[in-house]
N, C-alpha and C. Protein backbone atom coordinates (compact mmCIF):
# COMPACT_ATOMS: atom_id res chain seq x y z
N MET A 1 144.15 -136.88 97.54
CA MET A 1 144.73 -137.44 98.52
C MET A 1 145.76 -138.53 98.12
N THR A 2 146.57 -138.54 99.13
CA THR A 2 147.52 -139.08 99.00
C THR A 2 147.78 -140.20 100.48
N THR A 3 148.03 -141.23 99.97
CA THR A 3 148.00 -142.43 100.92
C THR A 3 149.48 -143.43 101.14
N ARG A 4 149.85 -142.96 101.99
CA ARG A 4 151.95 -143.98 101.81
C ARG A 4 151.11 -145.55 102.99
N ILE A 5 151.22 -146.11 102.29
CA ILE A 5 151.24 -147.87 102.92
C ILE A 5 152.49 -148.21 102.79
N ARG A 6 153.11 -148.67 103.74
CA ARG A 6 154.90 -149.42 103.98
C ARG A 6 154.04 -151.03 104.62
N CYS A 7 154.29 -151.79 103.81
CA CYS A 7 154.63 -153.19 104.02
C CYS A 7 155.84 -153.74 103.91
N ALA A 8 155.86 -154.58 104.79
CA ALA A 8 157.65 -155.10 104.88
C ALA A 8 157.73 -156.57 104.19
N LEU A 9 158.70 -156.92 103.00
CA LEU A 9 157.88 -157.98 102.33
C LEU A 9 159.39 -158.55 102.34
N ALA A 10 159.47 -159.60 102.79
CA ALA A 10 161.45 -160.12 102.57
C ALA A 10 162.11 -159.28 102.84
N GLY A 11 161.98 -158.52 104.15
CA GLY A 11 162.99 -157.94 104.01
C GLY A 11 163.67 -156.32 103.74
N SER A 12 162.87 -156.32 102.38
CA SER A 12 162.62 -154.83 101.82
C SER A 12 161.23 -153.89 101.91
N THR A 13 161.00 -152.63 102.28
CA THR A 13 160.15 -151.83 102.17
C THR A 13 158.95 -151.90 100.95
N LEU A 14 158.00 -151.38 100.85
CA LEU A 14 157.29 -151.26 99.23
C LEU A 14 156.59 -150.73 99.52
N THR A 15 156.88 -149.28 98.72
CA THR A 15 155.58 -148.33 98.89
C THR A 15 154.55 -148.31 98.71
N LEU A 16 153.66 -148.32 98.57
CA LEU A 16 152.36 -147.66 97.18
C LEU A 16 151.66 -146.34 97.56
N VAL A 17 151.74 -146.05 96.76
CA VAL A 17 151.09 -144.84 96.46
C VAL A 17 149.52 -144.62 95.56
N THR A 18 148.57 -143.91 96.29
CA THR A 18 147.13 -144.35 96.36
C THR A 18 146.40 -142.96 96.10
N THR A 19 146.51 -142.72 95.03
CA THR A 19 145.71 -140.87 94.56
C THR A 19 144.47 -141.55 94.26
N VAL A 20 143.16 -141.19 95.75
CA VAL A 20 141.91 -140.72 95.64
C VAL A 20 141.49 -139.19 95.56
N ALA A 21 141.00 -139.39 94.58
CA ALA A 21 139.92 -137.93 94.43
C ALA A 21 138.21 -138.51 94.57
N LEU A 22 138.66 -137.74 94.98
CA LEU A 22 136.83 -137.52 95.44
C LEU A 22 135.76 -135.90 94.92
N THR A 23 135.07 -136.37 93.36
CA THR A 23 134.29 -135.25 93.05
C THR A 23 133.09 -135.21 93.91
N ALA A 24 132.74 -133.78 93.56
CA ALA A 24 131.53 -133.26 94.51
C ALA A 24 130.17 -134.46 93.32
N THR A 25 130.20 -134.80 92.30
CA THR A 25 129.27 -135.66 91.25
C THR A 25 129.43 -136.95 92.14
N ALA A 26 130.40 -137.03 92.15
CA ALA A 26 130.77 -138.75 92.80
C ALA A 26 130.25 -138.82 93.94
N ILE A 27 130.00 -137.50 94.83
CA ILE A 27 129.46 -137.72 96.25
C ILE A 27 128.18 -137.45 96.58
N GLN A 28 127.52 -136.69 95.48
CA GLN A 28 126.06 -137.00 95.20
C GLN A 28 125.45 -138.36 94.75
N THR A 29 126.35 -139.01 93.63
CA THR A 29 125.41 -140.39 93.49
C THR A 29 125.37 -140.98 94.53
N ALA A 30 126.11 -141.21 95.70
CA ALA A 30 126.16 -141.82 96.84
C ALA A 30 124.97 -141.04 97.31
N GLN A 31 123.97 -140.95 97.25
CA GLN A 31 122.96 -140.04 98.00
C GLN A 31 121.86 -140.28 97.38
N PRO A 32 120.70 -141.11 98.09
CA PRO A 32 119.52 -141.28 97.59
C PRO A 32 119.32 -140.32 96.37
N SER A 33 118.42 -140.72 95.95
CA SER A 33 117.67 -139.19 95.03
C SER A 33 116.00 -139.56 94.86
N ALA A 34 115.95 -138.01 94.25
CA ALA A 34 114.15 -137.36 95.05
C ALA A 34 113.58 -137.71 93.19
N GLU A 35 114.52 -138.08 92.08
CA GLU A 35 114.35 -137.47 91.09
C GLU A 35 113.20 -138.38 90.10
N GLY A 36 112.57 -137.70 89.45
CA GLY A 36 111.52 -139.01 89.39
C GLY A 36 110.24 -139.43 89.90
N MET A 37 110.03 -138.60 91.14
CA MET A 37 109.50 -138.79 92.40
C MET A 37 108.74 -137.83 92.36
N PRO A 38 107.21 -137.77 92.47
CA PRO A 38 106.46 -136.54 92.90
C PRO A 38 106.25 -136.28 93.65
N ASP A 39 106.22 -134.39 93.54
CA ASP A 39 106.07 -133.74 95.45
C ASP A 39 104.71 -134.56 95.81
N GLY A 40 104.84 -134.34 97.34
CA GLY A 40 104.09 -134.94 98.18
C GLY A 40 104.64 -135.48 99.75
N PRO A 41 103.37 -135.61 100.92
CA PRO A 41 104.30 -135.56 102.04
C PRO A 41 104.46 -137.42 101.89
N GLY A 42 105.41 -137.59 102.06
CA GLY A 42 106.20 -139.21 102.31
C GLY A 42 107.52 -138.98 101.25
N ARG A 43 107.30 -138.35 100.77
CA ARG A 43 107.88 -138.65 99.70
C ARG A 43 109.58 -138.59 99.61
N ASP A 44 110.12 -137.80 101.17
CA ASP A 44 111.41 -137.61 101.35
C ASP A 44 111.74 -138.83 102.51
N VAL A 45 110.54 -139.66 103.33
CA VAL A 45 111.08 -140.22 104.08
C VAL A 45 110.77 -141.90 102.68
N THR A 46 110.45 -141.75 101.62
CA THR A 46 109.97 -142.98 100.21
C THR A 46 111.42 -143.02 99.91
N VAL A 47 112.40 -142.25 100.13
CA VAL A 47 113.68 -141.36 99.17
C VAL A 47 115.00 -142.31 100.09
N ARG A 48 114.50 -142.13 101.13
CA ARG A 48 115.19 -142.11 102.46
C ARG A 48 115.66 -143.68 102.73
N MET A 49 113.85 -144.06 102.58
CA MET A 49 113.89 -145.73 103.06
C MET A 49 114.27 -146.68 101.89
N CYS A 50 113.87 -146.44 100.55
CA CYS A 50 113.74 -147.26 99.84
C CYS A 50 115.14 -146.72 98.95
N GLY A 51 115.78 -145.86 99.44
CA GLY A 51 116.72 -144.98 98.21
C GLY A 51 118.59 -146.13 98.63
N VAL A 52 118.32 -146.71 99.92
CA VAL A 52 119.13 -147.10 100.33
C VAL A 52 119.98 -148.36 99.40
N CYS A 53 118.57 -149.05 99.13
CA CYS A 53 119.31 -150.47 97.82
C CYS A 53 119.29 -150.54 97.20
N HIS A 54 118.20 -149.26 95.76
CA HIS A 54 117.67 -148.79 94.69
C HIS A 54 116.90 -147.79 94.76
N GLU A 55 117.19 -146.86 93.20
CA GLU A 55 116.44 -146.12 93.34
C GLU A 55 115.38 -146.20 93.91
N ALA A 56 115.20 -145.02 94.57
CA ALA A 56 113.05 -144.56 94.85
C ALA A 56 112.56 -144.61 93.42
N ARG A 57 112.61 -144.37 92.40
CA ARG A 57 112.10 -143.64 91.47
C ARG A 57 111.93 -144.35 90.93
N ARG A 58 112.45 -146.37 90.74
CA ARG A 58 112.05 -147.40 90.71
C ARG A 58 110.18 -147.96 90.73
N ALA A 59 109.68 -146.71 91.53
CA ALA A 59 108.55 -147.37 92.03
C ALA A 59 107.35 -146.65 91.17
N ALA A 60 107.91 -145.49 90.13
CA ALA A 60 107.48 -144.98 89.36
C ALA A 60 107.10 -145.46 88.13
N SER A 61 107.31 -146.92 87.53
CA SER A 61 107.05 -147.73 86.88
C SER A 61 106.47 -149.53 87.10
N VAL A 62 105.76 -148.99 88.11
CA VAL A 62 105.18 -149.91 89.04
C VAL A 62 103.90 -149.46 89.55
N ARG A 63 102.84 -150.31 89.58
CA ARG A 63 101.30 -149.48 89.84
C ARG A 63 100.48 -150.77 90.36
N LEU A 64 100.53 -150.56 91.90
CA LEU A 64 100.05 -151.53 92.96
C LEU A 64 99.07 -151.42 93.75
N THR A 65 98.18 -152.21 94.21
CA THR A 65 97.15 -151.95 95.08
C THR A 65 97.84 -151.34 96.54
N VAL A 66 96.62 -150.76 97.45
CA VAL A 66 97.60 -150.63 98.57
C VAL A 66 97.85 -151.90 99.29
N ASP A 67 97.29 -153.05 99.31
CA ASP A 67 97.54 -154.19 98.87
C ASP A 67 99.37 -154.95 99.12
N GLY A 68 98.70 -154.24 97.32
CA GLY A 68 100.45 -154.52 97.30
C GLY A 68 101.43 -154.12 97.32
N TRP A 69 101.33 -152.60 97.84
CA TRP A 69 102.72 -151.62 98.44
C TRP A 69 103.29 -152.73 99.63
N ALA A 70 102.02 -152.67 99.88
CA ALA A 70 102.09 -153.18 101.73
C ALA A 70 102.67 -154.46 101.52
N THR A 71 102.43 -155.82 100.69
CA THR A 71 103.05 -156.24 100.52
C THR A 71 105.29 -156.49 100.13
N VAL A 72 105.01 -155.58 99.51
CA VAL A 72 106.44 -155.32 98.74
C VAL A 72 106.84 -154.38 100.17
N ILE A 73 106.01 -153.88 100.47
CA ILE A 73 107.09 -152.77 101.92
C ILE A 73 107.58 -153.50 103.17
N GLU A 74 106.95 -154.70 102.71
CA GLU A 74 106.89 -155.74 104.16
C GLU A 74 108.15 -156.76 103.72
N GLY A 75 108.03 -157.08 102.77
CA GLY A 75 109.19 -157.84 101.50
C GLY A 75 110.29 -156.91 102.55
N MET A 76 110.09 -155.87 101.83
CA MET A 76 111.52 -154.99 101.97
C MET A 76 112.34 -155.29 103.48
N MET A 77 111.37 -154.48 104.42
CA MET A 77 111.19 -154.60 105.73
C MET A 77 112.18 -156.13 105.91
N LYS A 78 111.50 -156.78 105.73
CA LYS A 78 112.22 -158.61 105.48
C LYS A 78 113.81 -158.53 105.38
N ARG A 79 113.94 -157.64 104.47
CA ARG A 79 115.52 -157.90 103.32
C ARG A 79 116.15 -156.54 104.03
N GLY A 80 115.85 -155.89 105.61
CA GLY A 80 116.77 -155.02 106.15
C GLY A 80 116.33 -153.64 105.80
N ALA A 81 115.29 -153.22 105.51
CA ALA A 81 115.11 -151.73 105.05
C ALA A 81 115.26 -150.77 106.25
N LYS A 82 115.07 -149.95 106.48
CA LYS A 82 115.14 -149.59 107.86
C LYS A 82 113.97 -147.95 107.96
N GLY A 83 113.28 -148.34 109.24
CA GLY A 83 112.35 -146.94 109.32
C GLY A 83 111.60 -147.66 110.32
N SER A 84 110.80 -146.71 111.04
CA SER A 84 109.84 -146.70 112.31
C SER A 84 108.61 -146.76 111.48
N GLU A 85 107.32 -147.91 112.31
CA GLU A 85 106.00 -147.78 111.45
C GLU A 85 105.75 -146.35 111.38
N ALA A 86 105.97 -145.96 111.66
CA ALA A 86 105.46 -144.66 111.32
C ALA A 86 106.03 -144.14 109.59
N ASP A 87 107.26 -144.43 109.25
CA ASP A 87 107.89 -144.19 108.63
C ASP A 87 107.41 -144.76 107.23
N VAL A 88 106.91 -146.33 107.61
CA VAL A 88 106.08 -147.68 107.08
C VAL A 88 104.66 -147.29 106.66
N ALA A 89 104.16 -146.67 107.33
CA ALA A 89 103.18 -145.95 107.11
C ALA A 89 102.61 -144.59 105.92
N MET A 90 104.00 -143.76 106.21
CA MET A 90 104.15 -142.42 105.27
C MET A 90 104.45 -143.54 104.05
N VAL A 91 105.14 -144.26 103.97
CA VAL A 91 105.98 -144.42 102.28
C VAL A 91 104.89 -145.49 101.72
N LEU A 92 103.74 -145.94 102.34
CA LEU A 92 102.99 -146.92 102.08
C LEU A 92 101.76 -145.68 101.18
N GLU A 93 101.21 -144.93 102.20
CA GLU A 93 100.24 -143.58 101.64
C GLU A 93 100.69 -142.96 100.18
N TYR A 94 102.19 -142.74 100.70
CA TYR A 94 102.78 -141.68 99.56
C TYR A 94 102.65 -142.71 98.20
N LEU A 95 103.59 -144.11 98.26
CA LEU A 95 103.52 -145.39 96.86
C LEU A 95 101.72 -145.02 96.53
N SER A 96 100.84 -145.47 97.68
CA SER A 96 99.50 -145.60 96.90
C SER A 96 98.60 -144.75 96.62
N THR A 97 99.75 -143.08 96.79
CA THR A 97 98.80 -142.42 96.25
C THR A 97 99.54 -141.94 94.86
N HIS A 98 100.40 -141.94 94.90
CA HIS A 98 101.65 -141.75 93.85
C HIS A 98 101.20 -142.91 92.44
N PHE A 99 101.37 -144.28 92.73
CA PHE A 99 101.17 -145.06 92.13
C PHE A 99 100.82 -146.38 92.29
N LEU A 100 99.13 -145.74 92.40
CA LEU A 100 98.12 -146.97 92.46
C LEU A 100 98.34 -147.50 91.19
N GLY A 101 97.86 -149.34 91.50
CA GLY A 101 97.54 -149.55 90.30
C GLY A 101 95.79 -150.47 90.71
N GLU A 102 95.49 -151.06 89.37
CA GLU A 102 93.66 -151.43 89.71
C GLU A 102 94.58 -152.98 90.31
N ALA A 103 92.98 -153.61 90.95
CA ALA A 103 93.37 -154.66 91.73
C ALA A 103 93.68 -156.34 91.10
N ALA A 104 94.91 -156.52 91.60
CA ALA A 104 95.21 -157.83 91.20
C ALA A 104 94.13 -158.86 89.98
N GLN A 105 94.42 -159.46 89.52
CA GLN A 105 93.63 -160.20 88.74
C GLN A 105 93.73 -161.72 89.26
N PRO A 106 93.14 -162.64 89.51
CA PRO A 106 93.26 -163.87 90.55
C PRO A 106 94.33 -164.29 88.90
N VAL A 107 95.25 -165.06 90.19
CA VAL A 107 95.59 -165.99 89.07
C VAL A 107 95.13 -167.89 89.14
N ASN A 108 95.07 -168.28 87.46
CA ASN A 108 94.23 -169.12 87.79
C ASN A 108 95.49 -170.85 87.82
N VAL A 109 94.61 -171.23 88.78
CA VAL A 109 95.97 -172.47 89.00
C VAL A 109 96.24 -173.23 87.94
N ASN A 110 94.99 -173.63 86.96
CA ASN A 110 95.40 -174.48 86.17
C ASN A 110 96.24 -173.60 84.72
N THR A 111 96.30 -172.53 85.00
CA THR A 111 97.05 -172.05 83.30
C THR A 111 98.80 -171.29 84.56
N ALA A 112 98.99 -171.08 85.82
CA ALA A 112 99.41 -170.11 86.07
C ALA A 112 101.31 -171.28 85.99
N PRO A 113 101.94 -170.06 85.69
CA PRO A 113 103.33 -171.09 85.89
C PRO A 113 103.81 -170.61 87.51
N GLN A 114 104.84 -171.08 87.82
CA GLN A 114 105.28 -171.87 88.87
C GLN A 114 105.33 -171.00 89.80
N ILE A 115 106.45 -170.23 89.07
CA ILE A 115 105.99 -168.51 89.75
C ILE A 115 105.23 -167.74 90.30
N ASP A 116 104.31 -167.86 89.73
CA ASP A 116 103.34 -166.94 90.35
C ASP A 116 102.45 -167.83 90.90
N LEU A 117 102.48 -168.94 91.36
CA LEU A 117 102.19 -169.74 92.12
C LEU A 117 102.97 -169.43 93.19
N GLU A 118 104.34 -169.35 93.32
CA GLU A 118 105.11 -168.61 94.51
C GLU A 118 104.72 -167.40 95.15
N LEU A 119 104.76 -166.57 93.86
CA LEU A 119 105.05 -165.40 94.22
C LEU A 119 102.95 -165.00 94.88
N VAL A 120 101.88 -164.96 93.84
CA VAL A 120 100.51 -165.47 94.53
C VAL A 120 100.42 -165.82 95.56
N ALA A 121 100.39 -167.82 95.95
CA ALA A 121 99.69 -168.39 96.63
C ALA A 121 101.02 -168.17 98.00
N GLY A 122 101.70 -168.18 97.84
CA GLY A 122 103.10 -168.03 98.50
C GLY A 122 103.19 -169.51 99.04
N LEU A 123 103.61 -170.49 98.14
CA LEU A 123 103.79 -171.66 97.79
C LEU A 123 105.03 -171.92 98.10
N LEU A 124 105.82 -172.49 98.71
CA LEU A 124 107.53 -172.92 98.74
C LEU A 124 107.52 -173.07 96.99
N ARG A 125 108.99 -173.08 96.91
CA ARG A 125 109.49 -173.68 94.93
C ARG A 125 108.61 -175.12 94.84
N SER A 126 109.46 -175.80 95.88
CA SER A 126 108.64 -177.56 96.23
C SER A 126 107.08 -177.66 96.24
N GLU A 127 106.29 -177.11 96.44
CA GLU A 127 104.49 -177.06 96.32
C GLU A 127 104.30 -176.89 95.08
N ALA A 128 104.90 -175.54 94.51
CA ALA A 128 104.64 -174.92 93.25
C ALA A 128 104.80 -175.69 92.05
N ARG A 129 105.59 -176.06 92.04
CA ARG A 129 106.36 -177.38 91.52
C ARG A 129 105.29 -178.71 91.52
N ALA A 130 104.83 -178.87 92.60
CA ALA A 130 103.95 -179.99 92.62
C ALA A 130 102.86 -179.81 92.07
N VAL A 131 102.23 -178.52 92.24
CA VAL A 131 100.86 -178.29 92.08
C VAL A 131 101.56 -178.34 90.01
N VAL A 132 102.37 -177.90 89.30
CA VAL A 132 102.34 -177.84 88.21
C VAL A 132 102.60 -179.15 87.73
N GLU A 133 103.44 -180.07 88.28
CA GLU A 133 103.38 -181.77 87.83
C GLU A 133 102.18 -182.16 87.81
N TYR A 134 101.41 -182.03 88.69
CA TYR A 134 99.53 -183.05 89.12
C TYR A 134 99.26 -182.32 88.26
N ARG A 135 98.52 -180.97 87.62
CA ARG A 135 98.28 -180.68 86.54
C ARG A 135 98.30 -180.96 85.63
N GLU A 136 100.16 -180.93 85.66
CA GLU A 136 100.40 -181.61 84.07
C GLU A 136 99.66 -183.29 83.25
N LYS A 137 100.11 -183.97 84.65
CA LYS A 137 99.69 -185.32 84.83
C LYS A 137 98.07 -185.89 84.79
N ASN A 138 97.37 -184.53 85.82
CA ASN A 138 95.84 -185.28 86.35
C ASN A 138 95.48 -184.39 84.90
N GLY A 139 95.62 -183.36 84.13
CA GLY A 139 94.41 -182.42 83.97
C GLY A 139 94.24 -181.33 85.03
N PRO A 140 93.47 -180.04 84.37
CA PRO A 140 92.86 -178.94 85.21
C PRO A 140 92.27 -179.59 85.86
N PHE A 141 92.87 -179.07 87.46
CA PHE A 141 91.42 -178.31 88.57
C PHE A 141 90.64 -177.80 88.29
N LYS A 142 89.22 -178.82 89.26
CA LYS A 142 87.95 -178.63 88.36
C LYS A 142 87.63 -177.40 89.91
N ALA A 143 88.01 -177.63 91.36
CA ALA A 143 88.54 -176.66 91.75
C ALA A 143 89.17 -176.33 92.87
N LEU A 144 88.92 -175.53 93.23
CA LEU A 144 90.42 -175.02 94.41
C LEU A 144 90.75 -176.12 95.28
N ASP A 145 89.52 -177.10 95.66
CA ASP A 145 89.36 -178.16 96.67
C ASP A 145 89.56 -179.65 96.25
N ASP A 146 90.24 -179.19 94.88
CA ASP A 146 90.52 -180.89 94.08
C ASP A 146 92.57 -180.98 94.50
N MET A 147 92.52 -179.56 95.13
CA MET A 147 93.87 -179.23 95.04
C MET A 147 94.61 -180.23 96.41
N LYS A 148 93.83 -180.39 96.92
CA LYS A 148 94.07 -180.64 98.15
C LYS A 148 94.99 -182.31 98.05
N LYS A 149 94.35 -183.20 96.73
CA LYS A 149 94.55 -184.09 96.38
C LYS A 149 96.28 -184.34 95.79
N VAL A 150 97.18 -182.88 95.72
CA VAL A 150 98.46 -183.09 96.18
C VAL A 150 99.23 -182.82 96.73
N PRO A 151 100.17 -183.93 96.29
CA PRO A 151 101.11 -184.53 97.77
C PRO A 151 102.10 -183.40 97.54
N GLY A 152 101.88 -183.55 99.05
CA GLY A 152 103.84 -182.18 99.59
C GLY A 152 102.34 -180.72 99.50
N LEU A 153 101.87 -180.10 98.96
CA LEU A 153 101.06 -179.30 99.49
C LEU A 153 100.46 -178.43 100.57
N ASP A 154 101.08 -177.81 101.23
CA ASP A 154 100.24 -177.60 102.34
C ASP A 154 98.95 -176.68 101.94
N PHE A 155 97.35 -177.03 102.11
CA PHE A 155 96.44 -176.80 101.72
C PHE A 155 95.99 -175.68 102.12
N LYS A 156 96.29 -174.96 103.70
CA LYS A 156 96.08 -174.35 104.16
C LYS A 156 96.27 -172.94 103.20
N LYS A 157 97.61 -172.71 102.61
CA LYS A 157 97.90 -171.77 102.26
C LYS A 157 97.00 -171.26 100.60
N ILE A 158 97.03 -172.55 100.27
CA ILE A 158 95.67 -171.97 99.03
C ILE A 158 94.90 -171.52 99.77
N ASP A 159 94.29 -172.31 100.25
CA ASP A 159 92.76 -171.87 100.92
C ASP A 159 92.46 -170.12 101.68
N SER A 160 93.79 -169.70 102.00
CA SER A 160 93.89 -168.53 102.71
C SER A 160 93.88 -167.22 102.11
N LYS A 161 94.39 -167.58 100.23
CA LYS A 161 94.30 -167.11 99.41
C LYS A 161 93.59 -167.18 98.35
N ARG A 162 92.08 -167.57 98.89
CA ARG A 162 91.15 -167.98 97.70
C ARG A 162 90.40 -166.42 97.42
N ASP A 163 90.67 -165.49 97.58
CA ASP A 163 90.84 -164.40 96.87
C ASP A 163 91.96 -164.12 95.90
N PHE A 164 92.19 -164.27 95.58
CA PHE A 164 93.67 -163.79 94.41
C PHE A 164 93.62 -165.54 93.46
N ILE A 165 93.11 -166.90 93.90
CA ILE A 165 93.52 -167.69 93.51
C ILE A 165 91.58 -168.41 92.77
N VAL A 166 91.96 -168.84 91.31
CA VAL A 166 91.36 -169.20 90.73
C VAL A 166 91.37 -170.98 90.27
N ALA A 167 90.43 -171.35 89.65
CA ALA A 167 90.66 -172.99 89.32
C ALA A 167 89.32 -172.84 88.04
N MET A 168 90.11 -172.12 86.98
CA MET A 168 88.98 -171.96 85.67
C MET A 168 89.39 -173.18 84.76
C-alpha cells in the first residue's frame, strides 16, 4: 500500500511516500493467542479477556488459590479488562482448574518486606513503611494487636486480614 501525503511548507509542496506491508504473520501476532493454554471450558474467554494486555499463557507460570485468582481478576478488571460477570466467572473457573496453587502462607509482620505488607495486608505504601520503621526501632511485634501502636496505620486493615498475617 502506498500513501501520498502532501504538506505545504514555506510555499513549497513536499511529497512523502510511505509503503506499508502487512503480512499474515504480523496480523496474526496482533491477535490474542491460546498457545500454551490447556483445552477446557473458559479457555477462549480467558484468552479474549486476558490476551488484550498480555499473553494469556502468562497464567501457566503462576499457581494461585481460587481466592488468589479472584483477587488477580478483580485487579485486572479495575485496570480495564473487559468482560461480563459470566465471563469473569468462567475465567476464574478456568484458571482455578488449570493453574491451582496451594493456600498462601501467612505473612509474618516481623520479617516481611514492605512490598509484602502492601500486597497481602492491603496497606498503603506509607503504612507499610511505617510498620517496617516501627519494628526496626521497637523490635518485633509480639501479637498483631501490638500493631495498633504504629503511627499512621489503619489497624482495621490488619484486623480484616488476620487469616493472612501473623506476628511470630
